[in-house]
Protein backbone atom coordinates (compact mmCIF):
# COMPACT_ATOMS: atom_id res chain seq x y z
CA UNK A 1 -44.24 7.20 -4.83
CA UNK A 2 -41.95 7.30 -1.79
CA UNK A 3 -42.75 3.67 -1.03
CA UNK A 4 -42.12 2.71 -4.65
CA UNK A 5 -38.78 4.51 -4.64
CA UNK A 6 -37.87 2.79 -1.36
CA UNK A 7 -38.75 -0.63 -2.76
CA UNK A 8 -36.79 0.06 -5.95
CA UNK A 9 -33.75 1.04 -3.87
CA UNK A 10 -34.06 -2.15 -1.82
CA UNK A 11 -34.20 -4.21 -5.01
CA UNK A 12 -31.09 -2.48 -6.36
CA UNK A 13 -29.21 -3.04 -3.12
CA UNK A 14 -30.19 -6.71 -3.04
CA UNK A 15 -29.24 -7.10 -6.70
CA UNK A 16 -25.79 -5.55 -6.10
CA UNK A 17 -25.15 -7.92 -3.20
CA UNK A 18 -26.18 -10.91 -5.30
CA UNK A 19 -23.97 -9.80 -8.20
CA UNK A 20 -20.87 -9.72 -6.04
CA UNK A 21 -21.65 -13.16 -4.69
CA UNK A 22 -22.38 -14.49 -8.17
CA UNK A 23 -19.06 -13.17 -9.45
CA UNK A 24 -17.17 -15.14 -6.83
CA UNK A 25 -19.39 -18.17 -7.26
CA UNK A 26 -18.96 -18.13 -11.02
CA UNK A 27 -15.16 -18.52 -10.92
CA UNK A 28 -14.69 -21.77 -12.76
CA UNK A 29 -11.17 -21.76 -14.18
CA UNK A 30 -7.71 -21.41 -12.79
CA UNK A 31 -7.17 -18.32 -14.92
CA UNK A 32 -10.22 -16.61 -13.42
CA UNK A 33 -9.07 -17.59 -9.94
CA UNK A 34 -5.60 -16.19 -10.64
CA UNK A 35 -7.10 -12.92 -11.86
CA UNK A 36 -9.34 -12.68 -8.82
CA UNK A 37 -6.44 -13.46 -6.50
CA UNK A 38 -4.26 -10.88 -8.25
CA UNK A 39 -7.00 -8.28 -7.84
CA UNK A 40 -7.47 -9.12 -4.16
CA UNK A 41 -3.74 -8.93 -3.48
CA UNK A 42 -3.60 -5.56 -5.21
CA UNK A 43 -6.45 -4.32 -3.04
CA UNK A 44 -4.68 -5.67 0.04
CA UNK A 45 -1.45 -3.87 -0.83
CA UNK A 46 -3.36 -0.68 -1.56
CA UNK A 47 -5.17 -0.83 1.76
CA UNK A 48 -1.92 -1.55 3.64
CA UNK A 49 -0.27 1.47 2.01
CA UNK A 50 -3.24 3.64 2.88
CA UNK A 51 -3.20 2.31 6.45
CA UNK A 52 0.49 3.14 6.85
CA UNK A 53 -0.08 6.67 5.49
CA UNK A 54 -2.96 7.20 7.89
CA UNK A 55 -0.90 5.81 10.77
CA UNK A 56 1.95 8.16 9.92
CA UNK A 57 -0.45 11.10 9.73
CA UNK A 58 -1.90 10.13 13.10
CA UNK A 59 1.56 10.00 14.68
CA UNK A 60 2.43 13.40 13.25
CA UNK A 61 -0.85 14.82 14.54
CA UNK A 62 -0.20 13.38 17.97
CA UNK A 63 3.31 14.88 18.04
CA UNK A 64 1.93 18.23 16.92
CA UNK A 65 -0.78 18.06 19.58
CA UNK A 66 1.84 17.29 22.22
CA UNK A 67 3.92 20.29 21.12
CA UNK A 68 0.92 22.60 21.19
CA UNK A 69 -0.05 21.31 24.60
CA UNK A 70 3.48 22.02 25.92
CA UNK A 71 3.38 25.53 24.48
CA UNK A 72 -0.01 26.11 26.09
CA UNK A 73 1.29 25.03 29.49
CA UNK A 74 4.32 27.31 29.12
CA UNK A 75 2.08 30.24 28.20
CA UNK A 76 -0.19 29.53 31.16
CA UNK A 77 2.83 29.51 33.44
CA UNK A 78 4.03 32.79 31.93
CA UNK A 79 0.61 34.35 32.43
CA UNK A 80 0.53 33.16 36.05
CA UNK A 81 3.98 34.67 36.66
CA UNK A 82 2.99 37.94 35.01
CA UNK A 83 -0.22 38.06 37.05
CA UNK A 84 1.71 37.48 40.28
CA UNK A 85 4.16 40.21 39.30
CA UNK A 86 1.28 42.54 38.47
CA UNK A 87 -0.34 41.86 41.85
CA UNK A 88 2.97 42.64 43.56
CA UNK A 89 3.23 45.90 41.64
CA UNK A 90 -0.32 46.80 42.67
CA UNK A 91 0.56 46.15 46.33
CA UNK A 92 3.68 48.29 46.07
CA UNK A 93 1.68 51.10 44.41
CA UNK A 94 -0.99 50.89 47.12
CA UNK A 95 1.63 51.01 49.87
CA UNK A 96 3.31 54.01 48.28
CA UNK A 97 -0.03 55.73 47.96
CA UNK A 98 -0.86 55.03 51.60
CA UNK A 99 2.49 56.43 52.67
CA UNK A 100 1.88 59.59 50.64
CA UNK A 101 -1.59 60.01 52.09
């Protein structure tokens, strides 16, 4: 049954490919050609609009990523400064303790 289902799917896929080709091959009149051309131009415009939206989204994402990366570097620098300050405080505390002892 799995083989039968696989063969049926292959037949459907082949049939769909042939149908698309037959549609283009069966264009016989100028009116049909105009309709097909109008459809294709509409699809082209739609895909160009979608491409520009995706490109804009990508640019915004890249800008956002850059901002987050800058913030991360600033926070890392702040942490490093705080850690150095903390180490200095520890040294001062140890020295004061040694003096008391």
